C-alpha atoms as a PDB file:
ATOM      1  CA  MET A   1       0.000   0.000   0.000  1.00  0.00           C
ATOM      2  CA  SER A   2       1.354   3.386  -0.927  1.00  0.00           C
ATOM      3  CA  GLU A   3       2.083   6.037   1.625  1.00  0.00           C
ATOM      4  CA  GLU A   4      -0.547   8.314   0.083  1.00  0.00           C
ATOM      5  CA  LEU A   5      -3.169   5.564   0.278  1.00  0.00           C
ATOM      6  CA  GLU A   6      -2.218   4.842   3.877  1.00  0.00           C
ATOM      7  CA  ASN A   7      -2.435   8.560   4.747  1.00  0.00           C
ATOM      8  CA  LEU A   8      -5.928   8.748   3.280  1.00  0.00           C
ATOM      9  CA  ARG A   9      -6.945   5.648   5.206  1.00  0.00           C
ATOM     10  CA  GLU A  10      -5.695   7.193   8.438  1.00  0.00           C
ATOM     11  CA  LYS A  11      -7.617  10.414   7.746  1.00  0.00           C
ATOM     12  CA  LEU A  12     -10.731   8.367   7.053  1.00  0.00           C
ATOM     13  CA  ASP A  13     -10.257   6.379  10.261  1.00  0.00           C
ATOM     14  CA  LYS A  14     -10.060   9.649  12.216  1.00  0.00           C
ATOM     15  CA  SER A  15     -12.993  11.240  10.372  1.00  0.00           C
ATOM     16  CA  PRO A  16     -15.241   8.447   9.086  1.00  0.00           C
ATOM     17  CA  ASN A  17     -18.051  10.871   8.262  1.00  0.00           C
ATOM     18  CA  ASN A  18     -15.849  13.002   6.016  1.00  0.00           C
ATOM     19  CA  LEU A  19     -17.171  12.064   2.596  1.00  0.00           C
ATOM     20  CA  LEU A  20     -14.436  13.935   0.744  1.00  0.00           C
ATOM     21  CA  PHE A  21     -11.807  11.779   2.444  1.00  0.00           C
ATOM     22  CA  ARG A  22     -13.886   8.705   1.596  1.00  0.00           C
ATOM     23  CA  PHE A  23     -14.250   9.724  -2.065  1.00  0.00           C
ATOM     24  CA  SER A  24     -10.532  10.477  -2.347  1.00  0.00           C
ATOM     25  CA  TYR A  25      -9.760   7.143  -0.725  1.00  0.00           C
ATOM     26  CA  ALA A  26     -11.993   5.372  -3.254  1.00  0.00           C
ATOM     27  CA  GLN A  27     -10.199   7.090  -6.122  1.00  0.00           C
ATOM     28  CA  LYS A  28      -6.823   6.082  -4.737  1.00  0.00           C
ATOM     29  CA  LEU A  29      -8.025   2.497  -4.216  1.00  0.00           C
ATOM     30  CA  LEU A  30      -8.902   2.397  -7.900  1.00  0.00           C
ATOM     31  CA  ALA A  31      -5.377   3.473  -8.766  1.00  0.00           C
ATOM     32  CA  PHE A  32      -4.191   0.374  -6.903  1.00  0.00           C
ATOM     33  CA  ALA A  33      -6.785  -1.890  -8.549  1.00  0.00           C
ATOM     34  CA  ASN A  34      -8.722  -2.490  -5.354  1.00  0.00           C
ATOM     35  CA  GLU A  35     -12.073  -2.270  -7.110  1.00  0.00           C
ATOM     36  CA  SER A  36     -14.257  -4.037  -4.560  1.00  0.00           C
ATOM     37  CA  GLU A  37     -13.148  -1.790  -1.685  1.00  0.00           C
ATOM     38  CA  ALA A  38     -13.433   1.286  -3.910  1.00  0.00           C
ATOM     39  CA  LEU A  39     -16.990   0.321  -4.835  1.00  0.00           C
ATOM     40  CA  ALA A  40     -17.873  -0.115  -1.167  1.00  0.00           C
ATOM     41  CA  GLN A  41     -16.471   3.328  -0.358  1.00  0.00           C
ATOM     42  CA  LEU A  42     -18.366   4.931  -3.239  1.00  0.00           C
ATOM     43  CA  GLN A  43     -21.565   3.252  -2.099  1.00  0.00           C
ATOM     44  CA  VAL A  44     -21.152   4.896   1.302  1.00  0.00           C
ATOM     45  CA  CYS A  45     -20.708   8.244  -0.460  1.00  0.00           C
ATOM     46  CA  VAL A  46     -23.844   7.972  -2.589  1.00  0.00           C
ATOM     47  CA  ASP A  47     -25.886   6.601   0.309  1.00  0.00           C
ATOM     48  CA  ALA A  48     -24.909   9.601   2.412  1.00  0.00           C
ATOM     49  CA  ARG A  49     -25.240  12.172  -0.378  1.00  0.00           C
ATOM     50  CA  GLU A  50     -27.770  11.099  -2.976  1.00  0.00           C
ATOM     51  CA  ASP A  51     -27.146  14.325  -4.913  1.00  0.00           C
ATOM     52  CA  TRP A  52     -23.413  13.679  -5.402  1.00  0.00           C
ATOM     53  CA  MET A  53     -23.372  13.354  -9.164  1.00  0.00           C
ATOM     54  CA  PHE A  54     -19.651  12.720  -9.566  1.00  0.00           C
ATOM     55  CA  ALA A  55     -19.707   9.908  -7.001  1.00  0.00           C
ATOM     56  CA  HIS A  56     -22.577   8.277  -8.912  1.00  0.00           C
ATOM     57  CA  LEU A  57     -20.662   8.667 -12.177  1.00  0.00           C
ATOM     58  CA  LEU A  58     -17.468   7.163 -10.789  1.00  0.00           C
ATOM     59  CA  LYS A  59     -19.475   4.340  -9.227  1.00  0.00           C
ATOM     60  CA  ALA A  60     -21.145   3.669 -12.589  1.00  0.00           C
ATOM     61  CA  LYS A  61     -17.800   3.515 -14.385  1.00  0.00           C
ATOM     62  CA  LEU A  62     -16.488   1.090 -11.791  1.00  0.00           C
ATOM     63  CA  GLU A  63     -19.611  -1.051 -12.066  1.00  0.00           C
ATOM     64  CA  ILE A  64     -19.127  -1.182 -15.833  1.00  0.00           C
ATOM     65  CA  SER A  65     -15.525  -2.305 -15.423  1.00  0.00           C
ATOM     66  CA  LEU A  66     -16.645  -4.989 -12.961  1.00  0.00           C
ATOM     67  CA  GLY A  67     -19.309  -6.278 -15.349  1.00  0.00           C
ATOM     68  CA  LYS A  68     -22.179  -5.122 -13.116  1.00  0.00           C
ATOM     69  CA  LYS A  69     -24.299  -3.900 -16.016  1.00  0.00           C
ATOM     70  CA  LYS A  70     -27.639  -3.630 -14.169  1.00  0.00           C
ATOM     71  CA  ASP A  71     -26.073  -1.687 -11.312  1.00  0.00           C
ATOM     72  CA  ALA A  72     -24.235   0.556 -13.778  1.00  0.00           C
ATOM     73  CA  ILE A  73     -27.492   1.355 -15.588  1.00  0.00           C
ATOM     74  CA  VAL A  74     -29.092   2.409 -12.298  1.00  0.00           C
ATOM     75  CA  SER A  75     -26.069   4.553 -11.408  1.00  0.00           C
ATOM     76  CA  LEU A  76     -25.955   6.125 -14.859  1.00  0.00           C
ATOM     77  CA  ASN A  77     -29.650   6.977 -14.789  1.00  0.00           C
ATOM     78  CA  LYS A  78     -29.116   8.637 -11.415  1.00  0.00           C
ATOM     79  CA  THR A  79     -26.086  10.504 -12.786  1.00  0.00           C
ATOM     80  CA  ILE A  80     -28.079  11.719 -15.780  1.00  0.00           C
ATOM     81  CA  ALA A  81     -30.946  12.950 -13.603  1.00  0.00           C
ATOM     82  CA  LEU A  82     -28.527  14.766 -11.302  1.00  0.00           C
ATOM     83  CA  ALA A  83     -26.521  16.230 -14.180  1.00  0.00           C
ATOM     84  CA  LYS A  84     -29.701  17.634 -15.698  1.00  0.00           C
ATOM     85  CA  ALA A  85     -30.884  19.026 -12.363  1.00  0.00           C
ATOM     86  CA  GLN A  86     -27.475  20.549 -11.638  1.00  0.00           C
ATOM     87  CA  THR A  87     -26.888  21.685 -15.247  1.00  0.00           C
ATOM     88  CA  HIS A  88     -23.605  19.815 -15.725  1.00  0.00           C
ATOM     89  CA  GLU A  89     -23.322  19.294 -19.469  1.00  0.00           C
ATOM     90  CA  ASP A  90     -20.088  17.309 -19.762  1.00  0.00           C
ATOM     91  CA  PRO A  91     -20.999  14.664 -17.157  1.00  0.00           C
ATOM     92  CA  LEU A  92     -24.465  14.481 -18.720  1.00  0.00           C
ATOM     93  CA  MET A  93     -22.977  13.707 -22.138  1.00  0.00           C
ATOM     94  CA  GLU A  94     -20.517  11.211 -20.675  1.00  0.00           C
ATOM     95  CA  ALA A  95     -23.168   9.376 -18.662  1.00  0.00           C
ATOM     96  CA  THR A  96     -25.564   9.341 -21.608  1.00  0.00           C
ATOM     97  CA  GLU A  97     -22.910   7.870 -23.905  1.00  0.00           C
ATOM     98  CA  LEU A  98     -22.009   5.228 -21.332  1.00  0.00           C
ATOM     99  CA  LEU A  99     -25.653   4.331 -20.850  1.00  0.00           C
ATOM    100  CA  GLU A 100     -26.219   4.054 -24.592  1.00  0.00           C
ATOM    101  CA  SER A 101     -23.252   1.688 -24.830  1.00  0.00           C
ATOM    102  CA  LEU A 102     -24.909  -0.635 -22.294  1.00  0.00           C
ATOM    103  CA  VAL A 103     -28.424  -0.826 -23.728  1.00  0.00           C
END
């Protein structure tokens, strides 16, 4: 485990409700190919903040890479709804393209 990953884990242990630490930790886990733990961390993020569009998008991408097509479709639909509501055009286009590639 890298020092940076360990530092993030320690921050998360000290502040388990800090969703930014958790999201950053999930991103770093992905860099080290720890997909299952990253997915678990992202799930905590989206459960705590249902309006966190980027967490839903990252979760969807991870679900796609893990072959979890049904879960990815749900996450992408949520991302699209949030992107529209929050007027984020680039994530909206990205999520729409990903969704179209799955159906």
